[in-house]
Amino acid sequence: MLQSGAKLLCVSDLLFLGRKTIEETRNLLHWLDTEEGFGKMGVCGLSMGGVHAAMVGSLHPTPIATLPFLSPHSAVVAFCEGILKHGTAWEALREYLAMLAMLSSI
């Protein structure tokens, strides 16, 4: 990735970030269980971290305590009504989606 700092270059980078966070947490839990002998474990997270904690809890092969704290059901409010609406390149996203729609109709 070509990202520098906290600002993501592409919308898809947000999905990549979430996937890697979930995979890394699952691997860490597996290591804690098999290598270090921790039995009862849990995950928690705040906001988007809560969504990721819920995903980890649902994907873990054994029962695990899960606390998704202040987790939204959707990111729509944050990106469309919150502060992030000012940091999103909406016109570039519209052009990209229009291009995808055009290509899918061919």
C-alpha atoms as a PDB file:
ATOM      1  CA  MET A   1       0.000   0.000   0.000  1.00  0.00           C
ATOM      2  CA  LEU A   2       1.150   3.517  -0.749  1.00  0.00           C
ATOM      3  CA  GLN A   3      -0.562   5.054   2.264  1.00  0.00           C
ATOM      4  CA  SER A   4       1.341   7.627   4.260  1.00  0.00           C
ATOM      5  CA  GLY A   5      -0.089   8.569   7.640  1.00  0.00           C
ATOM      6  CA  ALA A   6      -3.639   7.963   8.818  1.00  0.00           C
ATOM      7  CA  LYS A   7      -5.455   9.033   5.639  1.00  0.00           C
ATOM      8  CA  LEU A   8      -6.534   6.119   3.446  1.00  0.00           C
ATOM      9  CA  LEU A   9      -6.090   6.530  -0.302  1.00  0.00           C
ATOM     10  CA  CYS A  10      -8.920   4.221  -1.403  1.00  0.00           C
ATOM     11  CA  VAL A  11     -12.253   3.056  -0.013  1.00  0.00           C
ATOM     12  CA  SER A  12     -11.079  -0.519  -0.529  1.00  0.00           C
ATOM     13  CA  ASP A  13      -8.212   0.148   1.914  1.00  0.00           C
ATOM     14  CA  LEU A  14     -10.798   0.414   4.705  1.00  0.00           C
ATOM     15  CA  LEU A  15     -12.019  -3.094   3.919  1.00  0.00           C
ATOM     16  CA  PHE A  16      -8.432  -4.344   3.767  1.00  0.00           C
ATOM     17  CA  LEU A  17      -7.722  -2.751   7.153  1.00  0.00           C
ATOM     18  CA  GLY A  18     -10.739  -4.457   8.707  1.00  0.00           C
ATOM     19  CA  ARG A  19      -9.899  -7.843   7.248  1.00  0.00           C
ATOM     20  CA  LYS A  20      -6.297  -7.702   8.428  1.00  0.00           C
ATOM     21  CA  THR A  21      -7.332  -6.568  11.916  1.00  0.00           C
ATOM     22  CA  ILE A  22      -9.705  -9.515  12.209  1.00  0.00           C
ATOM     23  CA  GLU A  23      -7.163 -12.018  10.822  1.00  0.00           C
ATOM     24  CA  GLU A  24      -4.397 -10.753  13.118  1.00  0.00           C
ATOM     25  CA  THR A  25      -6.643 -10.986  16.170  1.00  0.00           C
ATOM     26  CA  ARG A  26      -7.709 -14.526  15.273  1.00  0.00           C
ATOM     27  CA  ASN A  27      -4.065 -15.553  14.852  1.00  0.00           C
ATOM     28  CA  LEU A  28      -3.132 -13.969  18.171  1.00  0.00           C
ATOM     29  CA  LEU A  29      -5.955 -15.806  19.954  1.00  0.00           C
ATOM     30  CA  HIS A  30      -4.853 -19.082  18.377  1.00  0.00           C
ATOM     31  CA  TRP A  31      -1.262 -18.484  19.526  1.00  0.00           C
ATOM     32  CA  LEU A  32      -2.367 -17.563  23.057  1.00  0.00           C
ATOM     33  CA  ASP A  33      -4.420 -20.744  23.258  1.00  0.00           C
ATOM     34  CA  THR A  34      -2.030 -23.277  21.663  1.00  0.00           C
ATOM     35  CA  GLU A  35       1.408 -21.887  22.524  1.00  0.00           C
ATOM     36  CA  GLU A  36       0.868 -20.019  25.784  1.00  0.00           C
ATOM     37  CA  GLY A  37      -1.936 -22.112  27.272  1.00  0.00           C
ATOM     38  CA  PHE A  38      -4.474 -19.370  27.912  1.00  0.00           C
ATOM     39  CA  GLY A  39      -7.887 -20.953  28.103  1.00  0.00           C
ATOM     40  CA  LYS A  40     -10.602 -18.408  28.708  1.00  0.00           C
ATOM     41  CA  MET A  41     -10.135 -15.326  26.574  1.00  0.00           C
ATOM     42  CA  GLY A  42     -12.169 -12.453  25.253  1.00  0.00           C
ATOM     43  CA  VAL A  43     -12.103  -9.613  22.786  1.00  0.00           C
ATOM     44  CA  CYS A  44     -13.587  -6.162  22.952  1.00  0.00           C
ATOM     45  CA  GLY A  45     -13.547  -3.046  20.860  1.00  0.00           C
ATOM     46  CA  LEU A  46     -14.966   0.434  20.610  1.00  0.00           C
ATOM     47  CA  SER A  47     -16.885   1.676  17.562  1.00  0.00           C
ATOM     48  CA  MET A  48     -15.324   0.111  14.437  1.00  0.00           C
ATOM     49  CA  GLY A  49     -13.139  -1.947  16.787  1.00  0.00           C
ATOM     50  CA  GLY A  50     -16.350  -3.283  18.298  1.00  0.00           C
ATOM     51  CA  VAL A  51     -17.518  -4.404  14.877  1.00  0.00           C
ATOM     52  CA  HIS A  52     -14.176  -6.151  14.396  1.00  0.00           C
ATOM     53  CA  ALA A  53     -14.421  -7.744  17.864  1.00  0.00           C
ATOM     54  CA  ALA A  54     -17.883  -9.072  16.980  1.00  0.00           C
ATOM     55  CA  MET A  55     -16.520 -10.523  13.756  1.00  0.00           C
ATOM     56  CA  VAL A  56     -13.632 -12.185  15.608  1.00  0.00           C
ATOM     57  CA  GLY A  57     -16.018 -13.574  18.221  1.00  0.00           C
ATOM     58  CA  SER A  58     -18.302 -14.997  15.563  1.00  0.00           C
ATOM     59  CA  LEU A  59     -15.446 -16.547  13.568  1.00  0.00           C
ATOM     60  CA  HIS A  60     -13.480 -18.026  16.484  1.00  0.00           C
ATOM     61  CA  PRO A  61     -13.770 -21.844  16.527  1.00  0.00           C
ATOM     62  CA  THR A  62     -14.352 -22.048  20.303  1.00  0.00           C
ATOM     63  CA  PRO A  63     -16.519 -19.960  22.660  1.00  0.00           C
ATOM     64  CA  ILE A  64     -14.948 -16.598  23.460  1.00  0.00           C
ATOM     65  CA  ALA A  65     -16.141 -13.614  25.471  1.00  0.00           C
ATOM     66  CA  THR A  66     -17.019 -10.797  23.086  1.00  0.00           C
ATOM     67  CA  LEU A  67     -17.840  -7.175  23.941  1.00  0.00           C
ATOM     68  CA  PRO A  68     -18.583  -4.925  20.984  1.00  0.00           C
ATOM     69  CA  PHE A  69     -18.829  -1.551  22.772  1.00  0.00           C
ATOM     70  CA  LEU A  70     -20.716   1.292  21.033  1.00  0.00           C
ATOM     71  CA  SER A  71     -20.627  -0.658  17.780  1.00  0.00           C
ATOM     72  CA  PRO A  72     -22.621   0.794  14.912  1.00  0.00           C
ATOM     73  CA  HIS A  73     -24.795  -1.363  12.700  1.00  0.00           C
ATOM     74  CA  SER A  74     -23.487   0.590   9.721  1.00  0.00           C
ATOM     75  CA  ALA A  75     -20.801   3.147   8.854  1.00  0.00           C
ATOM     76  CA  VAL A  76     -23.299   5.300   6.960  1.00  0.00           C
ATOM     77  CA  VAL A  77     -23.689   7.863   9.747  1.00  0.00           C
ATOM     78  CA  ALA A  78     -19.929   8.323  10.190  1.00  0.00           C
ATOM     79  CA  PHE A  79     -19.218   8.708   6.476  1.00  0.00           C
ATOM     80  CA  CYS A  80     -22.366  10.527   5.326  1.00  0.00           C
ATOM     81  CA  GLU A  81     -23.363  12.668   8.306  1.00  0.00           C
ATOM     82  CA  GLY A  82     -20.301  12.808  10.551  1.00  0.00           C
ATOM     83  CA  ILE A  83     -16.909  14.441  10.257  1.00  0.00           C
ATOM     84  CA  LEU A  84     -15.668  11.896   7.706  1.00  0.00           C
ATOM     85  CA  LYS A  85     -18.026  13.271   5.056  1.00  0.00           C
ATOM     86  CA  HIS A  86     -15.612  16.199   4.674  1.00  0.00           C
ATOM     87  CA  GLY A  87     -12.595  13.941   4.138  1.00  0.00           C
ATOM     88  CA  THR A  88     -14.089  11.664   1.498  1.00  0.00           C
ATOM     89  CA  ALA A  89     -13.511  12.310  -2.217  1.00  0.00           C
ATOM     90  CA  TRP A  90     -17.175  11.836  -3.106  1.00  0.00           C
ATOM     91  CA  GLU A  91     -16.824  13.000  -6.724  1.00  0.00           C
ATOM     92  CA  ALA A  92     -13.976  10.548  -7.409  1.00  0.00           C
ATOM     93  CA  LEU A  93     -16.055   7.769  -5.822  1.00  0.00           C
ATOM     94  CA  ARG A  94     -19.080   8.682  -7.981  1.00  0.00           C
ATOM     95  CA  GLU A  95     -16.939   8.618 -11.134  1.00  0.00           C
ATOM     96  CA  TYR A  96     -15.492   5.244 -10.172  1.00  0.00           C
ATOM     97  CA  LEU A  97     -18.944   3.771  -9.505  1.00  0.00           C
ATOM     98  CA  ALA A  98     -20.253   5.173 -12.804  1.00  0.00           C
ATOM     99  CA  MET A  99     -17.327   3.562 -14.619  1.00  0.00           C
ATOM    100  CA  LEU A 100     -18.038   0.224 -12.921  1.00  0.00           C
ATOM    101  CA  ALA A 101     -21.723   0.457 -13.855  1.00  0.00           C
ATOM    102  CA  MET A 102     -20.793   1.199 -17.447  1.00  0.00           C
ATOM    103  CA  LEU A 103     -18.361  -1.735 -17.619  1.00  0.00           C
ATOM    104  CA  SER A 104     -20.868  -4.146 -16.086  1.00  0.00           C
ATOM    105  CA  SER A 105     -23.467  -3.241 -18.713  1.00  0.00           C
ATOM    106  CA  ILE A 106     -21.118  -4.120 -21.584  1.00  0.00           C
END
